[in-house]
């Protein structure tokens, strides 16, 4: 035997309900200071080459979208043994400043 279910909509879920104190973003911090992209290189995503801007760390090349590639091999970090994403290390060149 099934129990009856209420179809009443609670006030906070009704259309036109005002925003409550938990619905406002009062503690949003500023955007993180990101290091500038200093190089350009070609990555292969699913066998399609794509030119991206990169920045260099001690052990990785990091793309603008946050993909990390090992400096030694060009393999995507966290990809395990094989990945469709790979950085062509020979294609990396420094961005020339416009000054």
PDB file of N, CA and C in Angstrom:
ATOM      1  N   UNK A   1       0.841  -1.176   0.000  1.00  0.00           N
ATOM      2  CA  UNK A   1       0.000   0.000   0.000  1.00  0.00           C
ATOM      3  C   UNK A   1       0.889   1.244   0.000  1.00  0.00           C
ATOM      4  N   UNK A   2       0.604   2.218  -0.875  1.00  0.00           N
ATOM      5  CA  UNK A   2       1.407   3.427  -0.965  1.00  0.00           C
ATOM      6  C   UNK A   2       0.831   4.523  -0.088  1.00  0.00           C
ATOM      7  N   UNK A   3       1.711   5.395   0.372  1.00  0.00           N
ATOM      8  CA  UNK A   3       1.296   6.524   1.191  1.00  0.00           C
ATOM      9  C   UNK A   3       0.975   7.712   0.291  1.00  0.00           C
ATOM     10  N   UNK A   4       0.058   8.553   0.679  1.00  0.00           N
ATOM     11  CA  UNK A   4      -0.275   9.720  -0.136  1.00  0.00           C
ATOM     12  C   UNK A   4       0.900  10.716  -0.159  1.00  0.00           C
ATOM     13  N   UNK A   5       1.080  11.370  -1.294  1.00  0.00           N
ATOM     14  CA  UNK A   5       2.153  12.338  -1.469  1.00  0.00           C
ATOM     15  C   UNK A   5       1.537  13.719  -1.609  1.00  0.00           C
ATOM     16  N   UNK A   6       2.126  14.679  -0.917  1.00  0.00           N
ATOM     17  CA  UNK A   6       1.634  16.038  -0.991  1.00  0.00           C
ATOM     18  C   UNK A   6       2.104  16.698  -2.288  1.00  0.00           C
ATOM     19  N   UNK A   7       1.220  17.429  -2.935  1.00  0.00           N
ATOM     20  CA  UNK A   7       1.581  18.162  -4.151  1.00  0.00           C
ATOM     21  C   UNK A   7       1.749  19.649  -3.881  1.00  0.00           C
ATOM     22  N   UNK A   8       1.748  20.037  -2.611  1.00  0.00           N
ATOM     23  CA  UNK A   8       1.896  21.446  -2.254  1.00  0.00           C
ATOM     24  C   UNK A   8       3.320  21.917  -2.537  1.00  0.00           C
ATOM     25  N   UNK A   9       3.455  23.101  -3.158  1.00  0.00           N
ATOM     26  CA  UNK A   9       4.755  23.686  -3.449  1.00  0.00           C
ATOM     27  C   UNK A   9       5.109  24.620  -2.305  1.00  0.00           C
ATOM     28  N   UNK A  10       6.271  24.411  -1.742  1.00  0.00           N
ATOM     29  CA  UNK A  10       6.705  25.243  -0.624  1.00  0.00           C
ATOM     30  C   UNK A  10       6.926  26.672  -1.094  1.00  0.00           C
ATOM     31  N   UNK A  11       6.749  27.660  -0.215  1.00  0.00           N
ATOM     32  CA  UNK A  11       6.835  29.074  -0.615  1.00  0.00           C
ATOM     33  C   UNK A  11       8.168  29.461  -1.258  1.00  0.00           C
ATOM     34  N   UNK A  12       9.280  28.919  -0.779  1.00  0.00           N
ATOM     35  CA  UNK A  12      10.573  29.319  -1.341  1.00  0.00           C
ATOM     36  C   UNK A  12      10.788  28.796  -2.756  1.00  0.00           C
ATOM     37  N   UNK A  13       9.956  27.844  -3.212  1.00  0.00           N
ATOM     38  CA  UNK A  13      10.105  27.294  -4.561  1.00  0.00           C
ATOM     39  C   UNK A  13       9.050  27.820  -5.539  1.00  0.00           C
ATOM     40  N   UNK A  14       8.178  28.652  -5.079  1.00  0.00           N
ATOM     41  CA  UNK A  14       7.148  29.206  -5.951  1.00  0.00           C
ATOM     42  C   UNK A  14       7.732  30.289  -6.838  1.00  0.00           C
ATOM     43  N   UNK A  15       7.160  30.460  -8.017  1.00  0.00           N
ATOM     44  CA  UNK A  15       7.609  31.510  -8.931  1.00  0.00           C
ATOM     45  C   UNK A  15       7.375  32.864  -8.283  1.00  0.00           C
ATOM     46  N   UNK A  16       8.315  33.753  -8.425  1.00  0.00           N
ATOM     47  CA  UNK A  16       8.177  35.084  -7.878  1.00  0.00           C
ATOM     48  C   UNK A  16       8.678  35.214  -6.459  1.00  0.00           C
ATOM     49  N   UNK A  17       9.195  34.145  -5.896  1.00  0.00           N
ATOM     50  CA  UNK A  17       9.730  34.230  -4.545  1.00  0.00           C
ATOM     51  C   UNK A  17      10.994  35.080  -4.570  1.00  0.00           C
ATOM     52  N   UNK A  18      11.157  35.953  -3.616  1.00  0.00           N
ATOM     53  CA  UNK A  18      12.329  36.822  -3.555  1.00  0.00           C
ATOM     54  C   UNK A  18      13.575  36.044  -3.187  1.00  0.00           C
ATOM     55  N   UNK A  19      14.707  36.616  -3.481  1.00  0.00           N
ATOM     56  CA  UNK A  19      15.974  35.984  -3.154  1.00  0.00           C
ATOM     57  C   UNK A  19      16.201  36.045  -1.659  1.00  0.00           C
ATOM     58  N   UNK A  20      16.592  34.953  -1.116  1.00  0.00           N
ATOM     59  CA  UNK A  20      16.897  34.878   0.301  1.00  0.00           C
ATOM     60  C   UNK A  20      18.339  35.272   0.556  1.00  0.00           C
ATOM     61  N   UNK A  21      18.748  35.327   1.813  1.00  0.00           N
ATOM     62  CA  UNK A  21      20.119  35.742   2.116  1.00  0.00           C
ATOM     63  C   UNK A  21      21.162  34.785   1.541  1.00  0.00           C
ATOM     64  N   UNK A  22      20.822  33.505   1.380  1.00  0.00           N
ATOM     65  CA  UNK A  22      21.802  32.562   0.851  1.00  0.00           C
ATOM     66  C   UNK A  22      21.892  32.628  -0.669  1.00  0.00           C
ATOM     67  N   UNK A  23      21.002  33.372  -1.333  1.00  0.00           N
ATOM     68  CA  UNK A  23      21.007  33.462  -2.785  1.00  0.00           C
ATOM     69  C   UNK A  23      21.876  34.600  -3.311  1.00  0.00           C
ATOM     70  N   UNK A  24      22.381  35.443  -2.427  1.00  0.00           N
ATOM     71  CA  UNK A  24      23.186  36.565  -2.885  1.00  0.00           C
ATOM     72  C   UNK A  24      24.665  36.245  -2.687  1.00  0.00           C
ATOM     73  N   UNK A  25      25.481  36.675  -3.614  1.00  0.00           N
ATOM     74  CA  UNK A  25      26.923  36.427  -3.538  1.00  0.00           C
ATOM     75  C   UNK A  25      27.596  37.641  -2.913  1.00  0.00           C
ATOM     76  N   UNK A  26      27.834  37.583  -1.629  1.00  0.00           N
ATOM     77  CA  UNK A  26      28.459  38.710  -0.936  1.00  0.00           C
ATOM     78  C   UNK A  26      29.922  38.447  -0.636  1.00  0.00           C
ATOM     79  N   UNK A  27      30.382  37.224  -0.817  1.00  0.00           N
ATOM     80  CA  UNK A  27      31.748  36.867  -0.442  1.00  0.00           C
ATOM     81  C   UNK A  27      32.609  36.485  -1.651  1.00  0.00           C
ATOM     82  N   UNK A  28      32.263  36.974  -2.827  1.00  0.00           N
ATOM     83  CA  UNK A  28      33.020  36.647  -4.032  1.00  0.00           C
ATOM     84  C   UNK A  28      34.342  37.389  -4.001  1.00  0.00           C
ATOM     85  N   UNK A  29      35.428  36.653  -4.212  1.00  0.00           N
ATOM     86  CA  UNK A  29      36.745  37.273  -4.218  1.00  0.00           C
ATOM     87  C   UNK A  29      37.127  37.659  -5.636  1.00  0.00           C
ATOM     88  N   UNK A  30      38.154  38.446  -5.771  1.00  0.00           N
ATOM     89  CA  UNK A  30      38.623  38.871  -7.085  1.00  0.00           C
ATOM     90  C   UNK A  30      39.232  37.718  -7.871  1.00  0.00           C
ATOM     91  N   UNK A  31      39.421  37.911  -9.160  1.00  0.00           N
ATOM     92  CA  UNK A  31      40.001  36.880 -10.007  1.00  0.00           C
ATOM     93  C   UNK A  31      41.460  36.663  -9.631  1.00  0.00           C
ATOM     94  N   UNK A  32      41.920  35.425  -9.735  1.00  0.00           N
ATOM     95  CA  UNK A  32      43.298  35.106  -9.409  1.00  0.00           C
ATOM     96  C   UNK A  32      44.236  35.817 -10.378  1.00  0.00           C
ATOM     97  N   UNK A  33      45.399  36.158  -9.887  1.00  0.00           N
ATOM     98  CA  UNK A  33      46.409  36.752 -10.752  1.00  0.00           C
ATOM     99  C   UNK A  33      47.031  35.640 -11.574  1.00  0.00           C
ATOM    100  N   UNK A  34      46.791  35.673 -12.870  1.00  0.00           N
ATOM    101  CA  UNK A  34      47.325  34.632 -13.742  1.00  0.00           C
ATOM    102  C   UNK A  34      48.609  35.117 -14.383  1.00  0.00           C
ATOM    103  N   UNK A  35      49.535  34.201 -14.517  1.00  0.00           N
ATOM    104  CA  UNK A  35      50.793  34.536 -15.168  1.00  0.00           C
ATOM    105  C   UNK A  35      50.555  34.660 -16.666  1.00  0.00           C
ATOM    106  N   UNK A  36      51.290  35.528 -17.313  1.00  0.00           N
ATOM    107  CA  UNK A  36      51.066  35.745 -18.751  1.00  0.00           C
ATOM    108  C   UNK A  36      51.530  34.553 -19.581  1.00  0.00           C
ATOM    109  N   UNK A  37      50.889  34.390 -20.731  1.00  0.00           N
ATOM    110  CA  UNK A  37      51.278  33.359 -21.677  1.00  0.00           C
ATOM    111  C   UNK A  37      52.486  33.877 -22.449  1.00  0.00           C
ATOM    112  N   UNK A  38      53.552  33.137 -22.452  1.00  0.00           N
ATOM    113  CA  UNK A  38      54.805  33.617 -23.025  1.00  0.00           C
ATOM    114  C   UNK A  38      55.225  32.877 -24.281  1.00  0.00           C
ATOM    115  N   UNK A  39      54.588  31.749 -24.580  1.00  0.00           N
ATOM    116  CA  UNK A  39      54.989  30.937 -25.715  1.00  0.00           C
ATOM    117  C   UNK A  39      53.771  30.519 -26.538  1.00  0.00           C
ATOM    118  N   UNK A  40      54.027  30.039 -27.734  1.00  0.00           N
ATOM    119  CA  UNK A  40      53.003  29.487 -28.608  1.00  0.00           C
ATOM    120  C   UNK A  40      53.474  28.102 -29.017  1.00  0.00           C
ATOM    121  N   UNK A  41      52.536  27.160 -29.088  1.00  0.00           N
ATOM    122  CA  UNK A  41      52.888  25.808 -29.499  1.00  0.00           C
ATOM    123  C   UNK A  41      51.696  25.115 -30.127  1.00  0.00           C
ATOM    124  N   UNK A  42      51.940  23.933 -30.680  1.00  0.00           N
ATOM    125  CA  UNK A  42      50.889  23.168 -31.328  1.00  0.00           C
ATOM    126  C   UNK A  42      50.558  21.944 -30.481  1.00  0.00           C
ATOM    127  N   UNK A  43      49.290  21.815 -30.132  1.00  0.00           N
ATOM    128  CA  UNK A  43      48.840  20.608 -29.432  1.00  0.00           C
ATOM    129  C   UNK A  43      47.977  19.806 -30.391  1.00  0.00           C
ATOM    130  N   UNK A  44      47.932  18.524 -30.146  1.00  0.00           N
ATOM    131  CA  UNK A  44      47.088  17.640 -30.935  1.00  0.00           C
ATOM    132  C   UNK A  44      45.954  17.194 -30.036  1.00  0.00           C
ATOM    133  N   UNK A  45      44.745  17.580 -30.368  1.00  0.00           N
ATOM    134  CA  UNK A  45      43.554  17.172 -29.638  1.00  0.00           C
ATOM    135  C   UNK A  45      42.764  16.243 -30.528  1.00  0.00           C
ATOM    136  N   UNK A  46      42.671  14.993 -30.129  1.00  0.00           N
ATOM    137  CA  UNK A  46      41.943  13.988 -30.917  1.00  0.00           C
ATOM    138  C   UNK A  46      42.439  13.989 -32.365  1.00  0.00           C
ATOM    139  N   UNK A  47      43.750  13.984 -32.524  1.00  0.00           N
ATOM    140  CA  UNK A  47      44.423  13.889 -33.828  1.00  0.00           C
ATOM    141  C   UNK A  47      44.266  15.129 -34.692  1.00  0.00           C
ATOM    142  N   UNK A  48      43.816  16.245 -34.121  1.00  0.00           N
ATOM    143  CA  UNK A  48      43.711  17.493 -34.873  1.00  0.00           C
ATOM    144  C   UNK A  48      44.671  18.508 -34.266  1.00  0.00           C
ATOM    145  N   UNK A  49      45.616  19.023 -35.060  1.00  0.00           N
ATOM    146  CA  UNK A  49      46.544  20.020 -34.513  1.00  0.00           C
ATOM    147  C   UNK A  49      45.857  21.359 -34.280  1.00  0.00           C
ATOM    148  N   UNK A  50      46.251  22.014 -33.215  1.00  0.00           N
ATOM    149  CA  UNK A  50      45.662  23.300 -32.840  1.00  0.00           C
ATOM    150  C   UNK A  50      46.757  24.142 -32.192  1.00  0.00           C
ATOM    151  N   UNK A  51      46.908  25.386 -32.633  1.00  0.00           N
ATOM    152  CA  UNK A  51      47.912  26.261 -32.044  1.00  0.00           C
ATOM    153  C   UNK A  51      47.331  26.948 -30.817  1.00  0.00           C
ATOM    154  N   UNK A  52      48.084  26.906 -29.715  1.00  0.00           N
ATOM    155  CA  UNK A  52      47.627  27.492 -28.454  1.00  0.00           C
ATOM    156  C   UNK A  52      48.745  28.316 -27.847  1.00  0.00           C
ATOM    157  N   UNK A  53      48.352  29.214 -26.956  1.00  0.00           N
ATOM    158  CA  UNK A  53      49.318  29.983 -26.182  1.00  0.00           C
ATOM    159  C   UNK A  53      49.628  29.212 -24.915  1.00  0.00           C
ATOM    160  N   UNK A  54      50.891  29.286 -24.478  1.00  0.00           N
ATOM    161  CA  UNK A  54      51.358  28.496 -23.339  1.00  0.00           C
ATOM    162  C   UNK A  54      52.138  29.367 -22.369  1.00  0.00           C
ATOM    163  N   UNK A  55      52.227  28.880 -21.146  1.00  0.00           N
ATOM    164  CA  UNK A  55      53.158  29.466 -20.186  1.00  0.00           C
ATOM    165  C   UNK A  55      53.974  28.326 -19.596  1.00  0.00           C
ATOM    166  N   UNK A  56      55.153  28.652 -19.144  1.00  0.00           N
ATOM    167  CA  UNK A  56      56.099  27.640 -18.699  1.00  0.00           C
ATOM    168  C   UNK A  56      56.186  27.617 -17.181  1.00  0.00           C
ATOM    169  N   UNK A  57      56.188  26.406 -16.597  1.00  0.00           N
ATOM    170  CA  UNK A  57      56.485  26.233 -15.179  1.00  0.00           C
ATOM    171  C   UNK A  57      57.741  25.376 -15.090  1.00  0.00           C
ATOM    172  N   UNK A  58      58.111  24.980 -13.906  1.00  0.00           N
ATOM    173  CA  UNK A  58      59.328  24.186 -13.732  1.00  0.00           C
ATOM    174  C   UNK A  58      59.225  22.828 -14.427  1.00  0.00           C
ATOM    175  N   UNK A  59      58.045  22.217 -14.443  1.00  0.00           N
ATOM    176  CA  UNK A  59      57.922  20.862 -14.994  1.00  0.00           C
ATOM    177  C   UNK A  59      56.889  20.735 -16.095  1.00  0.00           C
ATOM    178  N   UNK A  60      56.062  21.761 -16.324  1.00  0.00           N
ATOM    179  CA  UNK A  60      54.960  21.654 -17.274  1.00  0.00           C
ATOM    180  C   UNK A  60      54.935  22.820 -18.240  1.00  0.00           C
ATOM    181  N   UNK A  61      54.218  22.619 -19.347  1.00  0.00           N
ATOM    182  CA  UNK A  61      53.708  23.678 -20.204  1.00  0.00           C
ATOM    183  C   UNK A  61      52.214  23.732 -19.919  1.00  0.00           C
ATOM    184  N   UNK A  62      51.670  24.904 -19.655  1.00  0.00           N
ATOM    185  CA  UNK A  62      50.257  25.057 -19.318  1.00  0.00           C
ATOM    186  C   UNK A  62      49.589  25.898 -20.394  1.00  0.00           C
ATOM    187  N   UNK A  63      48.477  25.388 -20.951  1.00  0.00           N
ATOM    188  CA  UNK A  63      47.746  26.132 -21.979  1.00  0.00           C
ATOM    189  C   UNK A  63      46.779  27.122 -21.319  1.00  0.00           C
ATOM    190  N   UNK A  64      46.199  28.005 -22.127  1.00  0.00           N
ATOM    191  CA  UNK A  64      45.258  28.999 -21.601  1.00  0.00           C
ATOM    192  C   UNK A  64      44.053  28.356 -20.947  1.00  0.00           C
ATOM    193  N   UNK A  65      43.626  27.213 -21.472  1.00  0.00           N
ATOM    194  CA  UNK A  65      42.438  26.568 -20.912  1.00  0.00           C
ATOM    195  C   UNK A  65      42.779  25.664 -19.732  1.00  0.00           C
ATOM    196  N   UNK A  66      44.054  25.613 -19.321  1.00  0.00           N
ATOM    197  CA  UNK A  66      44.423  24.870 -18.132  1.00  0.00           C
ATOM    198  C   UNK A  66      44.971  23.477 -18.384  1.00  0.00           C
ATOM    199  N   UNK A  67      45.075  23.053 -19.629  1.00  0.00           N
ATOM    200  CA  UNK A  67      45.680  21.751 -19.899  1.00  0.00           C
ATOM    201  C   UNK A  67      47.167  21.827 -19.578  1.00  0.00           C
ATOM    202  N   UNK A  68      47.686  20.799 -18.918  1.00  0.00           N
ATOM    203  CA  UNK A  68      49.096  20.758 -18.560  1.00  0.00           C
ATOM    204  C   UNK A  68      49.775  19.638 -19.333  1.00  0.00           C
ATOM    205  N   UNK A  69      50.967  19.932 -19.837  1.00  0.00           N
ATOM    206  CA  UNK A  69      51.734  18.959 -20.604  1.00  0.00           C
ATOM    207  C   UNK A  69      53.119  18.839 -20.006  1.00  0.00           C
ATOM    208  N   UNK A  70      53.638  17.614 -19.917  1.00  0.00           N
ATOM    209  CA  UNK A  70      54.977  17.390 -19.375  1.00  0.00           C
ATOM    210  C   UNK A  70      56.022  18.014 -20.293  1.00  0.00           C
ATOM    211  N   UNK A  71      56.998  18.709 -19.696  1.00  0.00           N
ATOM    212  CA  UNK A  71      58.034  19.335 -20.499  1.00  0.00           C
ATOM    213  C   UNK A  71      58.953  18.304 -21.142  1.00  0.00           C
ATOM    214  N   UNK A  72      59.108  17.169 -20.510  1.00  0.00           N
ATOM    215  CA  UNK A  72      60.035  16.167 -21.028  1.00  0.00           C
ATOM    216  C   UNK A  72      59.465  15.416 -22.232  1.00  0.00           C
ATOM    217  N   UNK A  73      58.163  15.119 -22.219  1.00  0.00           N
ATOM    218  CA  UNK A  73      57.583  14.260 -23.256  1.00  0.00           C
ATOM    219  C   UNK A  73      56.481  14.920 -24.074  1.00  0.00           C
ATOM    220  N   UNK A  74      55.846  15.955 -23.560  1.00  0.00           N
ATOM    221  CA  UNK A  74      54.727  16.586 -24.244  1.00  0.00           C
ATOM    222  C   UNK A  74      53.398  15.914 -23.969  1.00  0.00           C
ATOM    223  N   UNK A  75      53.401  14.868 -23.137  1.00  0.00           N
ATOM    224  CA  UNK A  75      52.161  14.155 -22.819  1.00  0.00           C
ATOM    225  C   UNK A  75      51.325  14.972 -21.846  1.00  0.00           C
ATOM    226  N   UNK A  76      50.013  14.847 -21.976  1.00  0.00           N
ATOM    227  CA  UNK A  76      49.104  15.556 -21.076  1.00  0.00           C
ATOM    228  C   UNK A  76      49.249  14.990 -19.665  1.00  0.00           C
ATOM    229  N   UNK A  77      49.294  15.859 -18.673  1.00  0.00           N
ATOM    230  CA  UNK A  77      49.434  15.446 -17.282  1.00  0.00           C
ATOM    231  C   UNK A  77      48.125  14.846 -16.803  1.00  0.00           C
ATOM    232  N   UNK A  78      48.181  13.754 -16.067  1.00  0.00           N
ATOM    233  CA  UNK A  78      46.994  13.113 -15.538  1.00  0.00           C
ATOM    234  C   UNK A  78      46.277  12.253 -16.549  1.00  0.00           C
ATOM    235  N   UNK A  79      46.923  11.958 -17.669  1.00  0.00           N
ATOM    236  CA  UNK A  79      46.242  11.200 -18.709  1.00  0.00           C
ATOM    237  C   UNK A  79      46.518   9.710 -18.635  1.00  0.00           C
ATOM    238  N   UNK A  80      47.391   9.286 -17.720  1.00  0.00           N
ATOM    239  CA  UNK A  80      47.715   7.871 -17.649  1.00  0.00           C
ATOM    240  C   UNK A  80      48.732   7.500 -18.720  1.00  0.00           C
ATOM    241  N   UNK A  81      48.581   6.330 -19.283  1.00  0.00           N
ATOM    242  CA  UNK A  81      49.553   5.825 -20.251  1.00  0.00           C
ATOM    243  C   UNK A  81      49.417   6.496 -21.604  1.00  0.00           C
ATOM    244  N   UNK A  82      48.194   6.739 -22.050  1.00  0.00           N
ATOM    245  CA  UNK A  82      47.975   7.267 -23.390  1.00  0.00           C
ATOM    246  C   UNK A  82      46.946   8.379 -23.318  1.00  0.00           C
ATOM    247  N   UNK A  83      47.118   9.374 -24.162  1.00  0.00           N
ATOM    248  CA  UNK A  83      46.144  10.462 -24.226  1.00  0.00           C
ATOM    249  C   UNK A  83      46.032  10.951 -25.657  1.00  0.00           C
ATOM    250  N   UNK A  84      44.852  11.400 -26.027  1.00  0.00           N
ATOM    251  CA  UNK A  84      44.643  12.000 -27.341  1.00  0.00           C
ATOM    252  C   UNK A  84      45.202  13.418 -27.382  1.00  0.00           C
ATOM    253  N   UNK A  85      45.496  14.006 -26.224  1.00  0.00           N
ATOM    254  CA  UNK A  85      46.064  15.353 -26.160  1.00  0.00           C
ATOM    255  C   UNK A  85      47.575  15.249 -26.009  1.00  0.00           C
ATOM    256  N   UNK A  86      48.303  15.911 -26.884  1.00  0.00           N
ATOM    257  CA  UNK A  86      49.758  15.887 -26.831  1.00  0.00           C
ATOM    258  C   UNK A  86      50.298  17.214 -27.343  1.00  0.00           C
ATOM    259  N   UNK A  87      51.374  17.677 -26.739  1.00  0.00           N
ATOM    260  CA  UNK A  87      52.031  18.913 -27.141  1.00  0.00           C
ATOM    261  C   UNK A  87      53.246  18.568 -27.982  1.00  0.00           C
ATOM    262  N   UNK A  88      53.340  19.183 -29.155  1.00  0.00           N
ATOM    263  CA  UNK A  88      54.508  18.996 -30.008  1.00  0.00           C
ATOM    264  C   UNK A  88      55.607  19.917 -29.483  1.00  0.00           C
ATOM    265  N   UNK A  89      56.612  19.329 -28.822  1.00  0.00           N
ATOM    266  CA  UNK A  89      57.647  20.131 -28.183  1.00  0.00           C
ATOM    267  C   UNK A  89      58.486  20.909 -29.197  1.00  0.00           C
ATOM    268  N   UNK A  90      58.612  20.420 -30.409  1.00  0.00           N
ATOM    269  CA  UNK A  90      59.402  21.107 -31.439  1.00  0.00           C
ATOM    270  C   UNK A  90      58.698  22.357 -31.959  1.00  0.00           C
ATOM    271  N   UNK A  91      57.399  22.459 -31.749  1.00  0.00           N
ATOM    272  CA  UNK A  91      56.647  23.603 -32.272  1.00  0.00           C
ATOM    273  C   UNK A  91      56.643  24.802 -31.333  1.00  0.00           C
ATOM    274  N   UNK A  92      57.160  24.660 -30.126  1.00  0.00           N
ATOM    275  CA  UNK A  92      57.097  25.733 -29.129  1.00  0.00           C
ATOM    276  C   UNK A  92      58.056  26.856 -29.507  1.00  0.00           C
ATOM    277  N   UNK A  93      57.523  28.072 -29.508  1.00  0.00           N
ATOM    278  CA  UNK A  93      58.356  29.242 -29.758  1.00  0.00           C
ATOM    279  C   UNK A  93      57.874  30.383 -28.860  1.00  0.00           C
ATOM    280  N   UNK A  94      58.779  31.277 -28.546  1.00  0.00           N
ATOM    281  CA  UNK A  94      58.471  32.385 -27.652  1.00  0.00           C
ATOM    282  C   UNK A  94      57.664  33.449 -28.402  1.00  0.00           C
ATOM    283  N   UNK A  95      56.718  34.036 -27.707  1.00  0.00           N
ATOM    284  CA  UNK A  95      55.921  35.139 -28.279  1.00  0.00           C
ATOM    285  C   UNK A  95      56.783  36.386 -28.257  1.00  0.00           C
ATOM    286  N   UNK A  96      56.908  37.008 -29.402  1.00  0.00           N
ATOM    287  CA  UNK A  96      57.689  38.237 -29.491  1.00  0.00           C
ATOM    288  C   UNK A  96      56.849  39.410 -28.999  1.00  0.00           C
ATOM    289  N   UNK A  97      57.408  40.218 -28.114  1.00  0.00           N
ATOM    290  CA  UNK A  97      56.658  41.367 -27.603  1.00  0.00           C
ATOM    291  C   UNK A  97      56.538  42.428 -28.681  1.00  0.00           C
ATOM    292  N   UNK A  98      55.452  43.199 -28.610  1.00  0.00           N
ATOM    293  CA  UNK A  98      55.161  44.215 -29.616  1.00  0.00           C
ATOM    294  C   UNK A  98      55.764  45.580 -29.272  1.00  0.00           C
ATOM    295  N   UNK A  99      56.513  45.650 -28.189  1.00  0.00           N
ATOM    296  CA  UNK A  99      57.098  46.941 -27.759  1.00  0.00           C
ATOM    297  C   UNK A  99      58.250  47.355 -28.625  1.00  0.00           C
TER     298      UNK A  99
END
